[in-house]
């Protein structure tokens, strides 16, 4: 098992993983490999992307897990030892490879990356219905942030709000 920043030879198996991730969040929906490839190369790995992609791969080089992370600065905490943190946008391990240590290895590498970049914490969202994920995160020592909720605004409400000014 290897965990590292994604490299070009891993793109094809990462595209497979991203297609599975799409189906995980959009049950019954299939996305084309070409659309995922374009998104990966132009957006996720593009020059303006705020994300770093860590991947876990088997010994044969096949990507079986990913962690998408972004380093951010706090708007409310100016102290040098607290102002920077790591935002985990996504942690995903191929369904056939779960419970084999890939998720823990990815999270360990995320923690090392965060520390190497002077972050004092890692934050991430998790679906409330993801009981296995929540149990996994708590097994790592993570604590639920009870005073935070997640909100989303999308179309058509987003356009309506934007037109109010």
N, C-alpha and C. Protein backbone atom coordinates (compact mmCIF):
# COMPACT_ATOMS: atom_id res chain seq x y z
N UNK A 1 0.84 -1.18 0.00
CA UNK A 1 0.00 0.00 0.00
C UNK A 1 0.89 1.24 0.00
N UNK A 2 0.49 2.21 -0.83
CA UNK A 2 1.20 3.49 -0.89
C UNK A 2 0.17 4.61 -0.77
N UNK A 3 0.57 5.68 -0.10
CA UNK A 3 -0.25 6.89 -0.03
C UNK A 3 0.65 8.05 -0.39
N UNK A 4 0.22 8.82 -1.41
CA UNK A 4 1.05 9.91 -1.92
C UNK A 4 0.19 10.90 -2.68
N UNK A 5 0.77 12.04 -3.00
CA UNK A 5 0.07 12.97 -3.88
C UNK A 5 -0.08 12.29 -5.24
N UNK A 6 -1.20 12.49 -5.88
CA UNK A 6 -1.49 11.82 -7.14
C UNK A 6 -0.45 12.21 -8.20
N UNK A 7 -0.09 11.24 -9.03
CA UNK A 7 0.83 11.48 -10.13
C UNK A 7 0.18 11.04 -11.43
N UNK A 8 0.72 11.46 -12.55
CA UNK A 8 0.10 11.19 -13.84
C UNK A 8 -0.14 9.71 -14.11
N UNK A 9 0.78 8.81 -13.79
CA UNK A 9 0.50 7.39 -14.06
C UNK A 9 -0.72 6.85 -13.31
N UNK A 10 -1.19 7.57 -12.30
CA UNK A 10 -2.34 7.13 -11.50
C UNK A 10 -3.66 7.69 -12.00
N UNK A 11 -3.63 8.57 -12.99
CA UNK A 11 -4.84 9.25 -13.43
C UNK A 11 -5.94 8.29 -13.88
N UNK A 12 -5.61 7.28 -14.66
CA UNK A 12 -6.64 6.39 -15.20
C UNK A 12 -7.38 5.65 -14.09
N UNK A 13 -6.64 5.10 -13.11
CA UNK A 13 -7.35 4.39 -12.04
C UNK A 13 -8.03 5.37 -11.09
N UNK A 14 -7.53 6.60 -11.00
CA UNK A 14 -8.23 7.62 -10.21
C UNK A 14 -9.55 8.00 -10.89
N UNK A 15 -9.56 8.04 -12.21
CA UNK A 15 -10.81 8.32 -12.94
C UNK A 15 -11.84 7.23 -12.62
N UNK A 16 -11.41 5.98 -12.60
CA UNK A 16 -12.32 4.89 -12.22
C UNK A 16 -12.90 5.13 -10.83
N UNK A 17 -12.04 5.51 -9.90
CA UNK A 17 -12.47 5.75 -8.52
C UNK A 17 -13.45 6.93 -8.46
N UNK A 18 -13.17 7.99 -9.22
CA UNK A 18 -14.07 9.15 -9.23
C UNK A 18 -15.42 8.81 -9.84
N UNK A 19 -15.44 7.91 -10.81
CA UNK A 19 -16.73 7.45 -11.36
C UNK A 19 -17.52 6.70 -10.29
N UNK A 20 -16.84 5.86 -9.50
CA UNK A 20 -17.52 5.16 -8.40
C UNK A 20 -18.01 6.15 -7.35
N UNK A 21 -17.21 7.15 -7.05
CA UNK A 21 -17.59 8.18 -6.09
C UNK A 21 -18.86 8.90 -6.57
N UNK A 22 -18.92 9.21 -7.85
CA UNK A 22 -20.11 9.85 -8.41
C UNK A 22 -21.35 8.97 -8.18
N UNK A 23 -21.23 7.69 -8.44
CA UNK A 23 -22.36 6.77 -8.25
C UNK A 23 -22.74 6.66 -6.78
N UNK A 24 -21.75 6.75 -5.88
CA UNK A 24 -22.01 6.68 -4.44
C UNK A 24 -22.93 7.83 -4.02
N UNK A 25 -22.64 9.02 -4.50
CA UNK A 25 -23.42 10.19 -4.11
C UNK A 25 -24.67 10.39 -4.96
N UNK A 26 -24.72 9.78 -6.12
CA UNK A 26 -25.83 9.96 -7.05
C UNK A 26 -26.34 8.60 -7.48
N UNK A 27 -26.98 7.91 -6.56
CA UNK A 27 -27.41 6.53 -6.78
C UNK A 27 -28.13 6.36 -8.12
N UNK A 28 -27.66 5.40 -8.91
CA UNK A 28 -28.27 5.11 -10.19
C UNK A 28 -27.75 5.96 -11.33
N UNK A 29 -26.95 6.97 -11.04
CA UNK A 29 -26.42 7.85 -12.07
C UNK A 29 -25.05 7.37 -12.52
N UNK A 30 -24.83 7.40 -13.83
CA UNK A 30 -23.54 7.03 -14.39
C UNK A 30 -22.98 8.25 -15.09
N UNK A 31 -21.68 8.47 -14.94
CA UNK A 31 -21.02 9.60 -15.56
C UNK A 31 -19.96 9.06 -16.53
N UNK A 32 -19.73 9.76 -17.62
CA UNK A 32 -18.75 9.28 -18.60
C UNK A 32 -17.32 9.47 -18.09
N UNK A 33 -16.47 8.54 -18.44
CA UNK A 33 -15.06 8.63 -18.07
C UNK A 33 -14.43 9.90 -18.66
N UNK A 34 -14.86 10.27 -19.88
CA UNK A 34 -14.28 11.46 -20.52
C UNK A 34 -14.63 12.72 -19.75
N UNK A 35 -15.87 12.82 -19.27
CA UNK A 35 -16.27 13.98 -18.48
C UNK A 35 -15.48 14.02 -17.17
N UNK A 36 -15.31 12.88 -16.54
CA UNK A 36 -14.53 12.81 -15.29
C UNK A 36 -13.07 13.15 -15.56
N UNK A 37 -12.50 12.65 -16.66
CA UNK A 37 -11.11 12.97 -17.01
C UNK A 37 -10.94 14.47 -17.19
N UNK A 38 -11.86 15.09 -17.93
CA UNK A 38 -11.80 16.54 -18.15
C UNK A 38 -11.86 17.28 -16.82
N UNK A 39 -12.78 16.88 -15.96
CA UNK A 39 -12.93 17.53 -14.64
C UNK A 39 -11.66 17.36 -13.80
N UNK A 40 -11.10 16.16 -13.81
CA UNK A 40 -9.89 15.90 -13.04
C UNK A 40 -8.74 16.79 -13.51
N UNK A 41 -8.49 16.78 -14.81
CA UNK A 41 -7.32 17.49 -15.34
C UNK A 41 -7.50 19.01 -15.36
N UNK A 42 -8.69 19.47 -15.70
CA UNK A 42 -8.88 20.92 -15.83
C UNK A 42 -9.24 21.60 -14.52
N UNK A 43 -9.93 20.88 -13.64
CA UNK A 43 -10.41 21.52 -12.41
C UNK A 43 -9.69 21.02 -11.17
N UNK A 44 -9.83 19.74 -10.86
CA UNK A 44 -9.27 19.21 -9.62
C UNK A 44 -7.75 19.32 -9.57
N UNK A 45 -7.10 19.09 -10.71
CA UNK A 45 -5.63 19.19 -10.77
C UNK A 45 -5.18 20.43 -11.53
N UNK A 46 -6.12 21.28 -11.90
CA UNK A 46 -5.79 22.49 -12.65
C UNK A 46 -4.98 23.48 -11.84
N UNK A 47 -4.37 24.41 -12.54
CA UNK A 47 -3.49 25.40 -11.91
C UNK A 47 -4.20 26.23 -10.84
N UNK A 48 -5.49 26.46 -11.00
CA UNK A 48 -6.22 27.29 -10.04
C UNK A 48 -6.93 26.48 -8.96
N UNK A 49 -6.73 25.18 -8.95
CA UNK A 49 -7.40 24.34 -7.96
C UNK A 49 -6.81 24.57 -6.57
N UNK A 50 -7.66 24.74 -5.58
CA UNK A 50 -7.14 24.87 -4.21
C UNK A 50 -6.84 23.50 -3.57
N UNK A 51 -7.25 22.42 -4.25
CA UNK A 51 -7.14 21.09 -3.68
C UNK A 51 -5.79 20.43 -3.94
N UNK A 52 -5.41 19.61 -2.99
CA UNK A 52 -4.34 18.63 -3.19
C UNK A 52 -5.01 17.28 -3.08
N UNK A 53 -4.66 16.36 -3.98
CA UNK A 53 -5.26 15.04 -3.98
C UNK A 53 -4.24 14.01 -3.53
N UNK A 54 -4.52 13.38 -2.40
CA UNK A 54 -3.73 12.26 -1.93
C UNK A 54 -4.44 11.00 -2.36
N UNK A 55 -3.68 10.01 -2.81
CA UNK A 55 -4.29 8.77 -3.24
C UNK A 55 -3.63 7.59 -2.53
N UNK A 56 -4.45 6.58 -2.27
CA UNK A 56 -3.96 5.31 -1.73
C UNK A 56 -4.01 4.32 -2.87
N UNK A 57 -2.94 3.57 -3.04
CA UNK A 57 -2.91 2.60 -4.12
C UNK A 57 -2.41 1.25 -3.61
N UNK A 58 -2.87 0.22 -4.30
CA UNK A 58 -2.39 -1.13 -4.02
C UNK A 58 -0.97 -1.25 -4.54
N UNK A 59 -0.33 -2.38 -4.25
CA UNK A 59 1.04 -2.61 -4.69
C UNK A 59 1.17 -2.59 -6.21
N UNK A 60 0.09 -2.92 -6.93
CA UNK A 60 0.15 -2.90 -8.40
C UNK A 60 -0.05 -1.50 -8.97
N UNK A 61 -0.22 -0.48 -8.11
CA UNK A 61 -0.36 0.91 -8.55
C UNK A 61 -1.78 1.38 -8.74
N UNK A 62 -2.76 0.49 -8.62
CA UNK A 62 -4.16 0.87 -8.80
C UNK A 62 -4.63 1.73 -7.64
N UNK A 63 -5.19 2.89 -7.96
CA UNK A 63 -5.73 3.81 -6.95
C UNK A 63 -7.02 3.23 -6.40
N UNK A 64 -7.09 3.10 -5.07
CA UNK A 64 -8.29 2.56 -4.43
C UNK A 64 -8.89 3.52 -3.42
N UNK A 65 -8.24 4.65 -3.19
CA UNK A 65 -8.76 5.62 -2.24
C UNK A 65 -8.20 7.00 -2.52
N UNK A 66 -8.92 8.01 -2.06
CA UNK A 66 -8.45 9.38 -2.25
C UNK A 66 -8.87 10.24 -1.07
N UNK A 67 -8.08 11.28 -0.87
CA UNK A 67 -8.40 12.33 0.09
C UNK A 67 -8.14 13.65 -0.63
N UNK A 68 -9.16 14.49 -0.70
CA UNK A 68 -9.03 15.82 -1.30
C UNK A 68 -8.94 16.82 -0.16
N UNK A 69 -7.85 17.56 -0.11
CA UNK A 69 -7.62 18.48 1.00
C UNK A 69 -7.27 19.88 0.50
N UNK A 70 -7.59 20.85 1.34
CA UNK A 70 -7.29 22.25 1.05
C UNK A 70 -6.77 22.88 2.33
N UNK A 71 -5.72 23.65 2.22
CA UNK A 71 -5.19 24.39 3.36
C UNK A 71 -5.84 25.77 3.37
N UNK A 72 -6.37 26.16 4.51
CA UNK A 72 -7.07 27.44 4.62
C UNK A 72 -6.61 28.20 5.86
N UNK A 73 -6.83 29.51 5.82
CA UNK A 73 -6.53 30.37 6.97
C UNK A 73 -7.84 30.77 7.63
N UNK A 74 -7.83 30.78 8.95
CA UNK A 74 -8.98 31.18 9.72
C UNK A 74 -9.21 32.68 9.56
N UNK A 75 -10.47 33.06 9.53
CA UNK A 75 -10.83 34.48 9.54
C UNK A 75 -10.97 35.01 10.95
N UNK A 76 -11.11 34.13 11.93
CA UNK A 76 -11.38 34.57 13.30
C UNK A 76 -10.23 34.28 14.26
N UNK A 77 -9.24 33.53 13.84
CA UNK A 77 -8.13 33.17 14.73
C UNK A 77 -6.80 33.63 14.13
N UNK A 78 -6.31 34.80 14.56
CA UNK A 78 -5.06 35.32 13.99
C UNK A 78 -3.78 34.77 14.60
N UNK A 79 -3.86 34.07 15.74
CA UNK A 79 -2.65 33.56 16.40
C UNK A 79 -1.93 32.59 15.47
N UNK A 80 -0.62 32.75 15.37
CA UNK A 80 0.18 31.96 14.43
C UNK A 80 0.01 30.45 14.61
N UNK A 81 -0.18 30.02 15.84
CA UNK A 81 -0.29 28.59 16.08
C UNK A 81 -1.70 28.04 15.88
N UNK A 82 -2.66 28.92 15.51
CA UNK A 82 -4.05 28.47 15.34
C UNK A 82 -4.69 28.94 14.04
N UNK A 83 -4.01 29.77 13.27
CA UNK A 83 -4.67 30.41 12.13
C UNK A 83 -4.81 29.53 10.90
N UNK A 84 -4.00 28.50 10.77
CA UNK A 84 -4.08 27.67 9.57
C UNK A 84 -4.68 26.31 9.89
N UNK A 85 -5.57 25.84 9.02
CA UNK A 85 -6.08 24.50 9.20
C UNK A 85 -6.29 23.82 7.85
N UNK A 86 -6.51 22.54 7.92
CA UNK A 86 -6.68 21.69 6.75
C UNK A 86 -8.14 21.31 6.64
N UNK A 87 -8.70 21.52 5.46
CA UNK A 87 -10.08 21.15 5.20
C UNK A 87 -10.08 19.90 4.33
N UNK A 88 -10.64 18.83 4.87
CA UNK A 88 -10.77 17.57 4.12
C UNK A 88 -12.09 17.65 3.37
N UNK A 89 -12.02 17.79 2.07
CA UNK A 89 -13.24 17.90 1.25
C UNK A 89 -13.86 16.53 1.03
N UNK A 90 -13.02 15.53 0.85
CA UNK A 90 -13.54 14.19 0.55
C UNK A 90 -12.53 13.14 0.97
N UNK A 91 -13.04 12.09 1.56
CA UNK A 91 -12.27 10.87 1.82
C UNK A 91 -13.11 9.74 1.26
N UNK A 92 -12.54 8.98 0.35
CA UNK A 92 -13.31 7.90 -0.26
C UNK A 92 -12.38 6.72 -0.55
N UNK A 93 -12.85 5.54 -0.18
CA UNK A 93 -12.14 4.30 -0.48
C UNK A 93 -13.09 3.41 -1.26
N UNK A 94 -12.58 2.83 -2.33
CA UNK A 94 -13.39 1.93 -3.17
C UNK A 94 -14.11 0.93 -2.27
N UNK A 95 -15.39 0.70 -2.54
CA UNK A 95 -16.20 -0.15 -1.67
C UNK A 95 -15.60 -1.54 -1.47
N UNK A 96 -14.97 -2.08 -2.51
CA UNK A 96 -14.38 -3.42 -2.42
C UNK A 96 -13.08 -3.45 -1.61
N UNK A 97 -12.55 -2.28 -1.25
CA UNK A 97 -11.26 -2.21 -0.55
C UNK A 97 -11.39 -1.68 0.88
N UNK A 98 -12.60 -1.47 1.35
CA UNK A 98 -12.80 -0.91 2.69
C UNK A 98 -12.41 -1.92 3.76
N UNK A 99 -12.09 -1.42 4.93
CA UNK A 99 -11.70 -2.21 6.11
C UNK A 99 -10.39 -2.96 5.89
N UNK A 100 -9.53 -2.42 5.02
CA UNK A 100 -8.22 -3.02 4.78
C UNK A 100 -7.09 -2.06 5.12
N UNK A 101 -7.42 -0.93 5.76
CA UNK A 101 -6.40 0.00 6.22
C UNK A 101 -6.15 1.19 5.29
N UNK A 102 -6.80 1.24 4.13
CA UNK A 102 -6.56 2.34 3.20
C UNK A 102 -7.06 3.67 3.75
N UNK A 103 -8.24 3.68 4.37
CA UNK A 103 -8.79 4.90 4.93
C UNK A 103 -7.92 5.44 6.05
N UNK A 104 -7.47 4.55 6.93
CA UNK A 104 -6.60 4.97 8.03
C UNK A 104 -5.27 5.49 7.50
N UNK A 105 -4.73 4.83 6.48
CA UNK A 105 -3.47 5.28 5.89
C UNK A 105 -3.63 6.66 5.24
N UNK A 106 -4.76 6.86 4.55
CA UNK A 106 -5.02 8.18 3.97
C UNK A 106 -5.13 9.24 5.05
N UNK A 107 -5.88 8.97 6.10
CA UNK A 107 -6.05 9.96 7.16
C UNK A 107 -4.73 10.23 7.88
N UNK A 108 -3.90 9.22 8.03
CA UNK A 108 -2.58 9.42 8.62
C UNK A 108 -1.74 10.36 7.76
N UNK A 109 -1.81 10.16 6.45
CA UNK A 109 -1.05 11.03 5.53
C UNK A 109 -1.64 12.43 5.51
N UNK A 110 -2.96 12.56 5.60
CA UNK A 110 -3.58 13.88 5.69
C UNK A 110 -3.08 14.60 6.94
N UNK A 111 -3.02 13.90 8.06
CA UNK A 111 -2.54 14.50 9.31
C UNK A 111 -1.08 14.93 9.18
N UNK A 112 -0.27 14.10 8.56
CA UNK A 112 1.15 14.44 8.37
C UNK A 112 1.26 15.67 7.46
N UNK A 113 0.49 15.70 6.38
CA UNK A 113 0.49 16.84 5.44
C UNK A 113 0.07 18.11 6.18
N UNK A 114 -0.96 18.01 7.00
CA UNK A 114 -1.43 19.17 7.76
C UNK A 114 -0.34 19.68 8.70
N UNK A 115 0.29 18.79 9.42
CA UNK A 115 1.35 19.20 10.34
C UNK A 115 2.55 19.79 9.60
N UNK A 116 2.91 19.20 8.47
CA UNK A 116 4.02 19.72 7.66
C UNK A 116 3.74 21.13 7.16
N UNK A 117 2.45 21.47 7.06
CA UNK A 117 2.05 22.79 6.56
C UNK A 117 1.52 23.69 7.67
N UNK A 118 1.94 23.40 8.91
CA UNK A 118 1.67 24.24 10.08
C UNK A 118 0.18 24.40 10.39
N UNK A 119 -0.59 23.39 10.13
CA UNK A 119 -2.02 23.41 10.46
C UNK A 119 -2.20 22.93 11.89
N UNK A 120 -3.18 23.47 12.57
CA UNK A 120 -3.42 23.04 13.94
C UNK A 120 -4.64 22.14 14.06
N UNK A 121 -5.39 21.98 12.95
CA UNK A 121 -6.54 21.07 13.00
C UNK A 121 -6.93 20.65 11.59
N UNK A 122 -7.76 19.61 11.53
CA UNK A 122 -8.35 19.14 10.28
C UNK A 122 -9.86 19.13 10.50
N UNK A 123 -10.60 19.73 9.58
CA UNK A 123 -12.06 19.75 9.64
C UNK A 123 -12.61 19.06 8.40
N UNK A 124 -13.79 18.44 8.54
CA UNK A 124 -14.45 17.84 7.37
C UNK A 124 -15.92 17.59 7.66
N UNK A 125 -16.72 17.59 6.59
CA UNK A 125 -18.13 17.23 6.73
C UNK A 125 -18.30 15.73 6.57
N UNK A 126 -19.39 15.21 7.08
CA UNK A 126 -19.73 13.80 6.88
C UNK A 126 -21.25 13.70 6.82
N UNK A 127 -21.72 12.84 5.93
CA UNK A 127 -23.17 12.66 5.83
C UNK A 127 -23.69 12.09 7.16
N UNK A 128 -24.76 12.64 7.66
CA UNK A 128 -25.33 12.19 8.93
C UNK A 128 -25.73 10.72 8.87
N UNK A 129 -26.05 10.23 7.68
CA UNK A 129 -26.48 8.83 7.53
C UNK A 129 -25.31 7.86 7.38
N UNK A 130 -24.09 8.36 7.35
CA UNK A 130 -22.91 7.52 7.14
C UNK A 130 -22.39 6.97 8.47
N UNK A 131 -23.12 6.03 9.04
CA UNK A 131 -22.78 5.49 10.36
C UNK A 131 -21.40 4.84 10.38
N UNK A 132 -21.06 4.09 9.34
CA UNK A 132 -19.74 3.45 9.29
C UNK A 132 -18.63 4.49 9.22
N UNK A 133 -18.85 5.53 8.43
CA UNK A 133 -17.86 6.60 8.33
C UNK A 133 -17.68 7.32 9.65
N UNK A 134 -18.78 7.62 10.31
CA UNK A 134 -18.72 8.30 11.61
C UNK A 134 -17.97 7.44 12.62
N UNK A 135 -18.27 6.16 12.64
CA UNK A 135 -17.57 5.24 13.54
C UNK A 135 -16.07 5.20 13.23
N UNK A 136 -15.74 5.17 11.93
CA UNK A 136 -14.34 5.18 11.51
C UNK A 136 -13.65 6.45 12.00
N UNK A 137 -14.26 7.61 11.75
CA UNK A 137 -13.64 8.87 12.16
C UNK A 137 -13.44 8.93 13.67
N UNK A 138 -14.44 8.47 14.42
CA UNK A 138 -14.30 8.48 15.87
C UNK A 138 -13.21 7.52 16.33
N UNK A 139 -12.98 6.43 15.59
CA UNK A 139 -11.90 5.49 15.94
C UNK A 139 -10.53 6.12 15.75
N UNK A 140 -10.46 7.19 14.94
CA UNK A 140 -9.21 7.91 14.73
C UNK A 140 -8.94 8.93 15.83
N UNK A 141 -9.96 9.18 16.67
CA UNK A 141 -9.85 10.20 17.70
C UNK A 141 -10.56 11.49 17.34
N UNK A 142 -11.26 11.51 16.22
CA UNK A 142 -12.00 12.70 15.81
C UNK A 142 -13.22 12.89 16.71
N UNK A 143 -13.58 14.14 16.90
CA UNK A 143 -14.74 14.47 17.71
C UNK A 143 -15.75 15.21 16.85
N UNK A 144 -17.01 14.90 17.04
CA UNK A 144 -18.09 15.58 16.33
C UNK A 144 -18.17 17.02 16.82
N UNK A 145 -18.31 17.95 15.90
CA UNK A 145 -18.45 19.37 16.23
C UNK A 145 -19.95 19.64 16.31
N UNK A 146 -20.49 19.60 17.51
CA UNK A 146 -21.94 19.66 17.69
C UNK A 146 -22.52 21.06 17.45
N UNK A 147 -21.70 22.10 17.59
CA UNK A 147 -22.24 23.44 17.44
C UNK A 147 -22.26 23.92 15.98
N UNK A 148 -21.91 23.05 15.03
CA UNK A 148 -21.91 23.43 13.62
C UNK A 148 -22.93 22.60 12.84
N UNK A 149 -23.61 23.27 11.94
CA UNK A 149 -24.52 22.63 11.00
C UNK A 149 -24.04 22.95 9.59
N UNK A 150 -24.44 22.19 8.64
CA UNK A 150 -24.09 22.43 7.25
C UNK A 150 -25.33 22.89 6.50
N UNK A 151 -25.16 23.93 5.67
CA UNK A 151 -26.26 24.43 4.85
C UNK A 151 -25.82 24.45 3.40
N UNK A 152 -26.82 24.46 2.51
CA UNK A 152 -26.55 24.50 1.07
C UNK A 152 -27.66 25.31 0.41
N UNK A 153 -27.27 26.11 -0.56
CA UNK A 153 -28.25 26.79 -1.40
C UNK A 153 -27.90 26.45 -2.84
N UNK A 154 -28.91 26.09 -3.61
CA UNK A 154 -28.70 25.74 -5.01
C UNK A 154 -29.83 26.32 -5.83
N UNK A 155 -29.81 26.05 -7.11
CA UNK A 155 -30.83 26.58 -8.02
C UNK A 155 -32.20 26.01 -7.71
N UNK A 156 -33.25 26.76 -7.83
CA UNK A 156 -33.34 28.14 -8.32
C UNK A 156 -33.17 29.18 -7.22
N UNK A 157 -33.09 28.74 -5.96
CA UNK A 157 -32.97 29.70 -4.85
C UNK A 157 -31.71 30.55 -4.96
N UNK A 158 -30.63 29.98 -5.48
CA UNK A 158 -29.38 30.72 -5.60
C UNK A 158 -29.55 31.90 -6.57
N UNK A 159 -30.17 31.66 -7.72
CA UNK A 159 -30.40 32.75 -8.68
C UNK A 159 -31.33 33.80 -8.12
N UNK A 160 -32.34 33.36 -7.40
CA UNK A 160 -33.29 34.30 -6.79
C UNK A 160 -32.57 35.19 -5.79
N UNK A 161 -31.73 34.61 -4.96
CA UNK A 161 -30.98 35.38 -3.98
C UNK A 161 -30.02 36.34 -4.66
N UNK A 162 -29.34 35.88 -5.69
CA UNK A 162 -28.38 36.72 -6.40
C UNK A 162 -29.03 37.93 -7.05
N UNK A 163 -30.28 37.80 -7.44
CA UNK A 163 -30.98 38.91 -8.12
C UNK A 163 -31.54 39.94 -7.16
N UNK A 164 -31.47 39.70 -5.87
CA UNK A 164 -32.07 40.62 -4.89
C UNK A 164 -31.33 41.92 -4.72
N UNK A 165 -30.08 42.00 -5.05
CA UNK A 165 -29.33 43.22 -4.82
C UNK A 165 -29.69 44.28 -5.83
